[in-house]
Amino acid sequence: MCLAVPARIVELNDDRAVVDAMGNRWAIRTTLLPEAKLGDIVLVHAGFAIATVDEEEARQTWELFEQIEQLRTNEPTGTEGAG
């Protein structure tokens, strides 16, 4: 499965950027999106910004990720009742 994650550009130097998504930061390239600027929210895939998105779209996606994480952490591990 391929997934692009929305993240806000918090540092930008030429085509190198640091982005933040839900408190996670990583380095990316903006080579494919030369108009990207500090503060923009971009979709990140395979280490590259591939599109800009608006705040509402990003917020909705981040909320879905939070819901998925909540479901994942509430699932039984399969070890209950063993032994």
N, C-alpha and C. Protein backbone atom coordinates (compact mmCIF):
# COMPACT_ATOMS: atom_id res chain seq x y z
N MET A 1 0.85 -1.17 0.00
CA MET A 1 0.00 0.00 0.00
C MET A 1 0.89 1.24 0.00
N CYS A 2 0.57 2.18 -0.84
CA CYS A 2 1.29 3.45 -0.89
C CYS A 2 0.46 4.49 -0.16
N LEU A 3 1.14 5.33 0.57
CA LEU A 3 0.44 6.31 1.37
C LEU A 3 1.20 7.63 1.34
N ALA A 4 0.49 8.71 1.09
CA ALA A 4 1.06 10.05 1.18
C ALA A 4 0.51 10.68 2.46
N VAL A 5 1.38 11.29 3.23
CA VAL A 5 1.02 11.84 4.52
C VAL A 5 1.08 13.37 4.47
N PRO A 6 0.05 14.07 4.95
CA PRO A 6 0.13 15.53 5.01
C PRO A 6 1.04 15.96 6.16
N ALA A 7 1.90 16.92 5.88
CA ALA A 7 2.83 17.43 6.89
C ALA A 7 3.12 18.90 6.60
N ARG A 8 3.35 19.66 7.67
CA ARG A 8 3.62 21.09 7.54
C ARG A 8 5.13 21.33 7.42
N ILE A 9 5.53 22.17 6.48
CA ILE A 9 6.93 22.52 6.33
C ILE A 9 7.32 23.46 7.47
N VAL A 10 8.29 23.02 8.29
CA VAL A 10 8.73 23.83 9.43
C VAL A 10 10.14 24.39 9.24
N GLU A 11 10.87 23.83 8.30
CA GLU A 11 12.18 24.35 7.91
C GLU A 11 12.30 24.17 6.40
N LEU A 12 12.92 25.14 5.75
CA LEU A 12 13.06 25.06 4.30
C LEU A 12 14.36 25.73 3.88
N ASN A 13 15.16 24.99 3.13
CA ASN A 13 16.43 25.50 2.62
C ASN A 13 16.62 24.93 1.22
N ASP A 14 16.45 25.78 0.22
CA ASP A 14 16.46 25.35 -1.18
C ASP A 14 15.38 24.27 -1.37
N ASP A 15 15.77 23.07 -1.82
CA ASP A 15 14.77 22.02 -2.01
C ASP A 15 14.80 20.98 -0.89
N ARG A 16 15.38 21.35 0.23
CA ARG A 16 15.41 20.47 1.40
C ARG A 16 14.52 21.07 2.47
N ALA A 17 13.73 20.22 3.10
CA ALA A 17 12.79 20.72 4.11
C ALA A 17 12.70 19.74 5.26
N VAL A 18 12.26 20.26 6.39
CA VAL A 18 11.86 19.44 7.52
C VAL A 18 10.37 19.67 7.68
N VAL A 19 9.61 18.57 7.79
CA VAL A 19 8.17 18.66 7.93
C VAL A 19 7.75 18.07 9.27
N ASP A 20 6.56 18.48 9.71
CA ASP A 20 5.98 17.99 10.95
C ASP A 20 4.58 17.48 10.68
N ALA A 21 4.32 16.26 11.11
CA ALA A 21 2.98 15.68 11.02
C ALA A 21 2.67 15.04 12.35
N MET A 22 1.74 15.64 13.08
CA MET A 22 1.30 15.09 14.36
C MET A 22 2.45 14.91 15.35
N GLY A 23 3.41 15.84 15.31
CA GLY A 23 4.53 15.78 16.23
C GLY A 23 5.72 14.97 15.74
N ASN A 24 5.58 14.32 14.61
CA ASN A 24 6.69 13.58 14.01
C ASN A 24 7.35 14.45 12.96
N ARG A 25 8.66 14.52 13.01
CA ARG A 25 9.40 15.34 12.04
C ARG A 25 10.36 14.48 11.24
N TRP A 26 10.50 14.83 9.96
CA TRP A 26 11.48 14.16 9.13
C TRP A 26 11.89 15.07 7.98
N ALA A 27 13.03 14.72 7.40
CA ALA A 27 13.58 15.50 6.29
C ALA A 27 12.98 15.01 4.97
N ILE A 28 12.65 15.95 4.12
CA ILE A 28 12.10 15.63 2.80
C ILE A 28 12.75 16.53 1.76
N ARG A 29 12.39 16.29 0.51
CA ARG A 29 12.81 17.14 -0.59
C ARG A 29 11.57 17.78 -1.21
N THR A 30 11.71 19.02 -1.65
CA THR A 30 10.62 19.72 -2.32
C THR A 30 10.91 19.89 -3.81
N THR A 31 11.81 19.11 -4.32
CA THR A 31 12.21 19.18 -5.73
C THR A 31 11.03 19.12 -6.68
N LEU A 32 10.05 18.28 -6.37
CA LEU A 32 8.88 18.12 -7.23
C LEU A 32 7.83 19.20 -7.03
N LEU A 33 8.04 20.05 -6.02
CA LEU A 33 7.08 21.09 -5.68
C LEU A 33 7.84 22.38 -5.38
N PRO A 34 8.50 22.95 -6.41
CA PRO A 34 9.38 24.10 -6.18
C PRO A 34 8.68 25.33 -5.60
N GLU A 35 7.35 25.42 -5.73
CA GLU A 35 6.63 26.57 -5.19
C GLU A 35 6.33 26.44 -3.70
N ALA A 36 6.67 25.30 -3.09
CA ALA A 36 6.41 25.09 -1.66
C ALA A 36 7.16 26.12 -0.84
N LYS A 37 6.47 26.59 0.23
CA LYS A 37 7.11 27.58 1.10
C LYS A 37 6.91 27.21 2.57
N LEU A 38 7.66 27.84 3.42
CA LEU A 38 7.59 27.60 4.86
C LEU A 38 6.16 27.77 5.34
N GLY A 39 5.67 26.80 6.11
CA GLY A 39 4.31 26.85 6.63
C GLY A 39 3.29 26.12 5.78
N ASP A 40 3.62 25.82 4.53
CA ASP A 40 2.70 25.06 3.68
C ASP A 40 2.49 23.66 4.23
N ILE A 41 1.32 23.11 3.97
CA ILE A 41 1.08 21.70 4.25
C ILE A 41 1.18 20.97 2.93
N VAL A 42 2.03 19.96 2.91
CA VAL A 42 2.28 19.21 1.69
C VAL A 42 2.01 17.74 1.93
N LEU A 43 1.67 17.04 0.86
CA LEU A 43 1.58 15.58 0.91
C LEU A 43 2.97 15.03 0.67
N VAL A 44 3.42 14.16 1.57
CA VAL A 44 4.76 13.60 1.48
C VAL A 44 4.65 12.12 1.13
N HIS A 45 5.36 11.73 0.09
CA HIS A 45 5.41 10.33 -0.32
C HIS A 45 6.84 10.01 -0.71
N ALA A 46 7.37 8.96 -0.12
CA ALA A 46 8.72 8.48 -0.44
C ALA A 46 9.76 9.59 -0.28
N GLY A 47 9.58 10.45 0.71
CA GLY A 47 10.57 11.48 1.00
C GLY A 47 10.45 12.73 0.16
N PHE A 48 9.40 12.84 -0.65
CA PHE A 48 9.22 14.02 -1.50
C PHE A 48 7.84 14.64 -1.27
N ALA A 49 7.82 15.97 -1.27
CA ALA A 49 6.54 16.69 -1.29
C ALA A 49 5.99 16.55 -2.70
N ILE A 50 4.73 16.06 -2.80
CA ILE A 50 4.17 15.82 -4.12
C ILE A 50 2.99 16.72 -4.44
N ALA A 51 2.42 17.39 -3.42
CA ALA A 51 1.28 18.29 -3.63
C ALA A 51 1.07 19.11 -2.37
N THR A 52 0.43 20.26 -2.52
CA THR A 52 0.03 21.02 -1.35
C THR A 52 -1.43 20.69 -1.05
N VAL A 53 -1.79 20.76 0.23
CA VAL A 53 -3.18 20.53 0.64
C VAL A 53 -3.57 21.63 1.60
N ASP A 54 -4.88 21.85 1.73
CA ASP A 54 -5.32 22.90 2.65
C ASP A 54 -5.41 22.34 4.07
N GLU A 55 -5.52 23.26 5.00
CA GLU A 55 -5.53 22.93 6.43
C GLU A 55 -6.64 21.93 6.79
N GLU A 56 -7.83 22.12 6.25
CA GLU A 56 -8.96 21.26 6.58
C GLU A 56 -8.73 19.83 6.10
N GLU A 57 -8.26 19.68 4.89
CA GLU A 57 -7.98 18.34 4.36
C GLU A 57 -6.92 17.64 5.20
N ALA A 58 -5.86 18.37 5.56
CA ALA A 58 -4.81 17.79 6.39
C ALA A 58 -5.37 17.40 7.75
N ARG A 59 -6.17 18.25 8.37
CA ARG A 59 -6.75 17.98 9.69
C ARG A 59 -7.59 16.71 9.65
N GLN A 60 -8.40 16.56 8.62
CA GLN A 60 -9.23 15.37 8.49
C GLN A 60 -8.38 14.10 8.38
N THR A 61 -7.31 14.18 7.63
CA THR A 61 -6.43 13.02 7.46
C THR A 61 -5.74 12.69 8.78
N TRP A 62 -5.25 13.73 9.49
CA TRP A 62 -4.60 13.48 10.78
C TRP A 62 -5.57 12.86 11.77
N GLU A 63 -6.83 13.29 11.75
CA GLU A 63 -7.84 12.70 12.63
C GLU A 63 -8.06 11.23 12.31
N LEU A 64 -8.07 10.89 11.03
CA LEU A 64 -8.22 9.48 10.64
C LEU A 64 -7.04 8.65 11.14
N PHE A 65 -5.83 9.19 11.04
CA PHE A 65 -4.66 8.47 11.55
C PHE A 65 -4.79 8.24 13.05
N GLU A 66 -5.29 9.25 13.77
CA GLU A 66 -5.48 9.09 15.22
C GLU A 66 -6.51 8.01 15.52
N GLN A 67 -7.59 7.98 14.75
CA GLN A 67 -8.61 6.95 14.96
C GLN A 67 -8.06 5.56 14.68
N ILE A 68 -7.27 5.43 13.63
CA ILE A 68 -6.66 4.14 13.30
C ILE A 68 -5.74 3.70 14.44
N GLU A 69 -4.96 4.61 14.96
CA GLU A 69 -4.05 4.28 16.06
C GLU A 69 -4.83 3.86 17.31
N GLN A 70 -5.93 4.54 17.60
CA GLN A 70 -6.75 4.17 18.75
C GLN A 70 -7.33 2.77 18.57
N LEU A 71 -7.80 2.46 17.39
CA LEU A 71 -8.33 1.12 17.12
C LEU A 71 -7.23 0.07 17.24
N ARG A 72 -6.07 0.40 16.71
CA ARG A 72 -4.94 -0.53 16.75
C ARG A 72 -4.52 -0.83 18.19
N THR A 73 -4.45 0.19 19.03
CA THR A 73 -3.99 -0.01 20.40
C THR A 73 -5.05 -0.66 21.28
N ASN A 74 -6.31 -0.65 20.84
CA ASN A 74 -7.38 -1.28 21.62
C ASN A 74 -7.68 -2.70 21.18
N GLU A 75 -7.00 -3.18 20.14
CA GLU A 75 -7.22 -4.54 19.66
C GLU A 75 -6.56 -5.54 20.59
N PRO A 76 -7.18 -6.69 20.77
CA PRO A 76 -6.53 -7.76 21.55
C PRO A 76 -5.25 -8.20 20.87
N THR A 77 -4.25 -8.56 21.65
CA THR A 77 -2.96 -8.97 21.08
C THR A 77 -2.93 -10.43 20.70
N GLY A 78 -3.94 -11.18 21.13
CA GLY A 78 -3.95 -12.61 20.84
C GLY A 78 -3.30 -13.42 21.95
N THR A 79 -2.78 -12.76 22.98
CA THR A 79 -2.13 -13.46 24.07
C THR A 79 -2.99 -13.51 25.32
N GLU A 80 -4.16 -12.86 25.31
CA GLU A 80 -5.04 -12.90 26.47
C GLU A 80 -5.56 -14.31 26.66
N GLY A 81 -5.58 -14.75 27.90
CA GLY A 81 -6.12 -16.05 28.22
C GLY A 81 -5.18 -17.20 27.91
N ALA A 82 -4.01 -16.89 27.40
CA ALA A 82 -3.05 -17.95 27.09
C ALA A 82 -2.44 -18.47 28.39
N GLY A 83 -2.22 -19.77 28.44
CA GLY A 83 -1.51 -20.33 29.59
C GLY A 83 -2.36 -20.94 30.52
